[in-house]
Amino acid sequence: MGKWKVTKKVRAVLDTNVFVSAALSKNANSPTRETLERWKRGEFVLLICTTLAEEIIEKLLDHRVDKEKVGDLVETLASWAEWVEVPAEKIESPLSDPDDNVIVACAVEGKANYLVTYDPHFDSLNGEYRGVKIIKAIPFLEVLRNQ
């Protein structure tokens, strides 16, 4: 009898810039698009909080992404993402931007394995914060592909 390998699904927070990159990319094979497709296929648990969802919507609309596309994303997030409650007292300030600190808190509170971002502000955390690995989309895809 072979041993069953029990793997827990990867849990990840995707920063706003990942959603914006995916929405604006003309490349069907872009890493950010592939990341979102893999989430929709159930390959990892996407963690999100209200503040992050609001910022994603705001930035997509700022970049003139079609309102219908934004609406579809909102519905998909509402149905498929795991929503994390981020109490104000749980938001620490490892970064200078308060919006970034909410994203970090969402990852910590949601027990994420990864926070995927292109934001250089996160570089000051040297790739990890409270057990959450902070990486860009391509290294994150490598993790998913190797599961």
C-alpha atoms as a PDB file:
ATOM      1  CA  MET A   1       0.000   0.000   0.000  1.00  0.00           C
ATOM      2  CA  GLY A   2       1.350   3.430  -0.961  1.00  0.00           C
ATOM      3  CA  LYS A   3       1.268   6.280   1.458  1.00  0.00           C
ATOM      4  CA  TRP A   4      -1.248   9.010   0.829  1.00  0.00           C
ATOM      5  CA  LYS A   5       0.302  12.413   0.672  1.00  0.00           C
ATOM      6  CA  VAL A   6      -1.944  14.850   2.487  1.00  0.00           C
ATOM      7  CA  THR A   7      -1.279  18.380   1.383  1.00  0.00           C
ATOM      8  CA  LYS A   8      -2.960  21.442   2.696  1.00  0.00           C
ATOM      9  CA  LYS A   9      -3.874  23.987   0.078  1.00  0.00           C
ATOM     10  CA  VAL A  10      -1.604  26.973  -0.226  1.00  0.00           C
ATOM     11  CA  ARG A  11      -3.172  30.101   1.281  1.00  0.00           C
ATOM     12  CA  ALA A  12      -2.282  33.414  -0.353  1.00  0.00           C
ATOM     13  CA  VAL A  13      -3.076  37.108  -0.381  1.00  0.00           C
ATOM     14  CA  LEU A  14      -2.657  38.816  -3.741  1.00  0.00           C
ATOM     15  CA  ASP A  15      -1.818  42.510  -3.593  1.00  0.00           C
ATOM     16  CA  THR A  16      -3.854  44.990  -5.617  1.00  0.00           C
ATOM     17  CA  ASN A  17      -1.072  45.279  -8.216  1.00  0.00           C
ATOM     18  CA  VAL A  18      -1.481  41.581  -9.110  1.00  0.00           C
ATOM     19  CA  PHE A  19      -5.155  42.112 -10.000  1.00  0.00           C
ATOM     20  CA  VAL A  20      -4.376  45.311 -11.931  1.00  0.00           C
ATOM     21  CA  SER A  21      -1.542  43.614 -13.844  1.00  0.00           C
ATOM     22  CA  ALA A  22      -3.792  40.675 -14.764  1.00  0.00           C
ATOM     23  CA  ALA A  23      -6.606  42.984 -15.902  1.00  0.00           C
ATOM     24  CA  LEU A  24      -4.332  45.201 -18.023  1.00  0.00           C
ATOM     25  CA  SER A  25      -2.137  42.480 -19.511  1.00  0.00           C
ATOM     26  CA  LYS A  26      -2.490  41.854 -23.236  1.00  0.00           C
ATOM     27  CA  ASN A  27      -0.554  38.597 -22.787  1.00  0.00           C
ATOM     28  CA  ALA A  28      -2.835  35.594 -22.265  1.00  0.00           C
ATOM     29  CA  ASN A  29       0.114  33.813 -20.596  1.00  0.00           C
ATOM     30  CA  SER A  30       1.006  36.575 -18.144  1.00  0.00           C
ATOM     31  CA  PRO A  31       2.036  35.304 -14.685  1.00  0.00           C
ATOM     32  CA  THR A  32      -0.650  37.375 -12.979  1.00  0.00           C
ATOM     33  CA  ARG A  33      -3.388  36.084 -15.277  1.00  0.00           C
ATOM     34  CA  GLU A  34      -2.201  32.516 -14.739  1.00  0.00           C
ATOM     35  CA  THR A  35      -2.213  33.101 -10.980  1.00  0.00           C
ATOM     36  CA  LEU A  36      -5.860  34.202 -11.065  1.00  0.00           C
ATOM     37  CA  GLU A  37      -6.804  31.295 -13.353  1.00  0.00           C
ATOM     38  CA  ARG A  38      -5.172  28.839 -10.957  1.00  0.00           C
ATOM     39  CA  TRP A  39      -7.132  30.375  -8.083  1.00  0.00           C
ATOM     40  CA  LYS A  40     -10.391  30.004 -10.027  1.00  0.00           C
ATOM     41  CA  ARG A  41      -9.480  26.329 -10.606  1.00  0.00           C
ATOM     42  CA  GLY A  42      -9.146  25.891  -6.851  1.00  0.00           C
ATOM     43  CA  GLU A  43      -5.374  25.372  -6.760  1.00  0.00           C
ATOM     44  CA  PHE A  44      -4.974  27.704  -3.786  1.00  0.00           C
ATOM     45  CA  VAL A  45      -7.083  29.571  -1.265  1.00  0.00           C
ATOM     46  CA  LEU A  46      -7.282  33.299  -1.983  1.00  0.00           C
ATOM     47  CA  LEU A  47      -7.552  35.369   1.179  1.00  0.00           C
ATOM     48  CA  ILE A  48      -9.056  38.833   1.030  1.00  0.00           C
ATOM     49  CA  CYS A  49     -10.367  41.483   3.392  1.00  0.00           C
ATOM     50  CA  THR A  50     -12.828  44.298   2.803  1.00  0.00           C
ATOM     51  CA  THR A  51     -10.183  47.044   2.669  1.00  0.00           C
ATOM     52  CA  LEU A  52      -8.132  45.131   0.078  1.00  0.00           C
ATOM     53  CA  ALA A  53     -11.232  44.362  -2.023  1.00  0.00           C
ATOM     54  CA  GLU A  54     -12.188  48.059  -2.005  1.00  0.00           C
ATOM     55  CA  GLU A  55      -8.671  49.059  -3.067  1.00  0.00           C
ATOM     56  CA  ILE A  56      -8.690  46.483  -5.900  1.00  0.00           C
ATOM     57  CA  ILE A  57     -11.997  47.841  -7.227  1.00  0.00           C
ATOM     58  CA  GLU A  58     -10.809  51.452  -6.933  1.00  0.00           C
ATOM     59  CA  LYS A  59      -7.505  50.782  -8.751  1.00  0.00           C
ATOM     60  CA  LEU A  60      -9.153  48.756 -11.526  1.00  0.00           C
ATOM     61  CA  LEU A  61     -11.640  51.570 -12.144  1.00  0.00           C
ATOM     62  CA  ASP A  62      -8.793  54.139 -12.012  1.00  0.00           C
ATOM     63  CA  HIS A  63      -7.110  52.148 -14.803  1.00  0.00           C
ATOM     64  CA  ARG A  64     -10.372  52.246 -16.789  1.00  0.00           C
ATOM     65  CA  VAL A  65     -10.938  48.507 -16.612  1.00  0.00           C
ATOM     66  CA  ASP A  66     -14.410  47.738 -17.972  1.00  0.00           C
ATOM     67  CA  LYS A  67     -17.023  48.092 -15.191  1.00  0.00           C
ATOM     68  CA  GLU A  68     -18.591  44.773 -16.169  1.00  0.00           C
ATOM     69  CA  LYS A  69     -15.213  43.001 -15.784  1.00  0.00           C
ATOM     70  CA  VAL A  70     -14.764  44.637 -12.370  1.00  0.00           C
ATOM     71  CA  GLY A  71     -18.283  43.543 -11.403  1.00  0.00           C
ATOM     72  CA  ASP A  72     -17.522  39.966 -12.460  1.00  0.00           C
ATOM     73  CA  LEU A  73     -14.363  39.993 -10.355  1.00  0.00           C
ATOM     74  CA  VAL A  74     -16.277  41.309  -7.345  1.00  0.00           C
ATOM     75  CA  GLU A  75     -18.836  38.495  -7.710  1.00  0.00           C
ATOM     76  CA  THR A  76     -16.073  35.909  -8.047  1.00  0.00           C
ATOM     77  CA  LEU A  77     -14.284  37.255  -4.966  1.00  0.00           C
ATOM     78  CA  ALA A  78     -17.525  37.278  -2.999  1.00  0.00           C
ATOM     79  CA  SER A  79     -18.229  33.653  -3.901  1.00  0.00           C
ATOM     80  CA  TRP A  80     -14.821  32.018  -3.994  1.00  0.00           C
ATOM     81  CA  ALA A  81     -12.337  33.929  -1.867  1.00  0.00           C
ATOM     82  CA  GLU A  82     -11.943  33.343   1.857  1.00  0.00           C
ATOM     83  CA  TRP A  83     -12.787  36.592   3.617  1.00  0.00           C
ATOM     84  CA  VAL A  84     -10.588  37.574   6.531  1.00  0.00           C
ATOM     85  CA  GLU A  85     -11.692  39.855   9.339  1.00  0.00           C
ATOM     86  CA  VAL A  86      -8.893  42.325  10.041  1.00  0.00           C
ATOM     87  CA  PRO A  87      -9.575  44.151  13.321  1.00  0.00           C
ATOM     88  CA  ALA A  88      -7.929  47.592  13.488  1.00  0.00           C
ATOM     89  CA  GLU A  89      -5.910  46.576  16.566  1.00  0.00           C
ATOM     90  CA  LYS A  90      -4.345  43.715  14.571  1.00  0.00           C
ATOM     91  CA  ILE A  91      -2.882  46.059  11.970  1.00  0.00           C
ATOM     92  CA  GLU A  92       0.785  46.554  12.728  1.00  0.00           C
ATOM     93  CA  SER A  93       3.029  49.024  10.937  1.00  0.00           C
ATOM     94  CA  PRO A  94       5.971  47.137   9.437  1.00  0.00           C
ATOM     95  CA  LEU A  95       5.635  49.318   6.308  1.00  0.00           C
ATOM     96  CA  SER A  96       5.269  53.063   5.763  1.00  0.00           C
ATOM     97  CA  ASP A  97       2.054  52.818   3.682  1.00  0.00           C
ATOM     98  CA  PRO A  98      -1.090  52.111   5.778  1.00  0.00           C
ATOM     99  CA  ASP A  99      -2.724  50.356   2.779  1.00  0.00           C
ATOM    100  CA  ASP A 100       0.221  47.940   2.647  1.00  0.00           C
ATOM    101  CA  ASN A 101      -0.034  47.292   6.400  1.00  0.00           C
ATOM    102  CA  VAL A 102      -3.665  46.185   5.965  1.00  0.00           C
ATOM    103  CA  ILE A 103      -2.555  43.691   3.303  1.00  0.00           C
ATOM    104  CA  VAL A 104       0.130  42.320   5.644  1.00  0.00           C
ATOM    105  CA  ALA A 105      -2.453  42.060   8.451  1.00  0.00           C
ATOM    106  CA  CYS A 106      -4.851  40.223   6.118  1.00  0.00           C
ATOM    107  CA  ALA A 107      -2.097  37.708   5.323  1.00  0.00           C
ATOM    108  CA  VAL A 108      -1.151  37.232   9.000  1.00  0.00           C
ATOM    109  CA  GLU A 109      -4.754  37.023  10.258  1.00  0.00           C
ATOM    110  CA  GLY A 110      -5.742  34.680   7.409  1.00  0.00           C
ATOM    111  CA  LYS A 111      -2.767  32.409   8.127  1.00  0.00           C
ATOM    112  CA  ALA A 112      -1.471  32.861   4.573  1.00  0.00           C
ATOM    113  CA  ASN A 113       1.601  31.009   3.350  1.00  0.00           C
ATOM    114  CA  TYR A 114       2.269  33.699   0.728  1.00  0.00           C
ATOM    115  CA  LEU A 115       1.682  37.353  -0.004  1.00  0.00           C
ATOM    116  CA  VAL A 116       2.124  37.974  -3.734  1.00  0.00           C
ATOM    117  CA  THR A 117       3.064  41.529  -4.695  1.00  0.00           C
ATOM    118  CA  TYR A 118       5.101  43.653  -7.068  1.00  0.00           C
ATOM    119  CA  ASP A 119       5.151  46.586  -4.629  1.00  0.00           C
ATOM    120  CA  PRO A 120       8.771  47.550  -3.801  1.00  0.00           C
ATOM    121  CA  HIS A 121       7.612  48.836  -0.372  1.00  0.00           C
ATOM    122  CA  PHE A 122       7.450  45.187   0.729  1.00  0.00           C
ATOM    123  CA  ASP A 123      11.161  44.689  -0.028  1.00  0.00           C
ATOM    124  CA  SER A 124      12.006  46.120   3.403  1.00  0.00           C
ATOM    125  CA  LEU A 125      10.513  42.956   4.952  1.00  0.00           C
ATOM    126  CA  ASN A 126      13.191  40.845   3.225  1.00  0.00           C
ATOM    127  CA  GLY A 127      10.779  38.284   1.789  1.00  0.00           C
ATOM    128  CA  GLU A 128       9.043  37.228   4.994  1.00  0.00           C
ATOM    129  CA  TYR A 129       6.877  38.595   7.784  1.00  0.00           C
ATOM    130  CA  ARG A 130       5.503  36.542  10.688  1.00  0.00           C
ATOM    131  CA  GLY A 131       5.769  33.317   8.714  1.00  0.00           C
ATOM    132  CA  VAL A 132       4.242  34.717   5.512  1.00  0.00           C
ATOM    133  CA  LYS A 133       6.556  34.526   2.493  1.00  0.00           C
ATOM    134  CA  ILE A 134       6.446  37.674   0.356  1.00  0.00           C
ATOM    135  CA  ILE A 135       7.112  36.911  -3.312  1.00  0.00           C
ATOM    136  CA  LYS A 136       6.303  37.987  -6.870  1.00  0.00           C
ATOM    137  CA  ALA A 137       3.926  36.133  -9.199  1.00  0.00           C
ATOM    138  CA  ILE A 138       6.456  33.951 -11.073  1.00  0.00           C
ATOM    139  CA  PRO A 139       8.000  32.376  -7.940  1.00  0.00           C
ATOM    140  CA  PHE A 140       4.447  31.885  -6.610  1.00  0.00           C
ATOM    141  CA  LEU A 141       3.462  30.084  -9.828  1.00  0.00           C
ATOM    142  CA  GLU A 142       6.483  27.818  -9.392  1.00  0.00           C
ATOM    143  CA  VAL A 143       5.165  26.884  -5.944  1.00  0.00           C
ATOM    144  CA  LEU A 144       1.731  26.086  -7.419  1.00  0.00           C
ATOM    145  CA  ARG A 145       3.153  24.140 -10.349  1.00  0.00           C
ATOM    146  CA  ASN A 146       5.240  21.991  -7.996  1.00  0.00           C
ATOM    147  CA  GLN A 147       2.372  21.049  -5.689  1.00  0.00           C
END
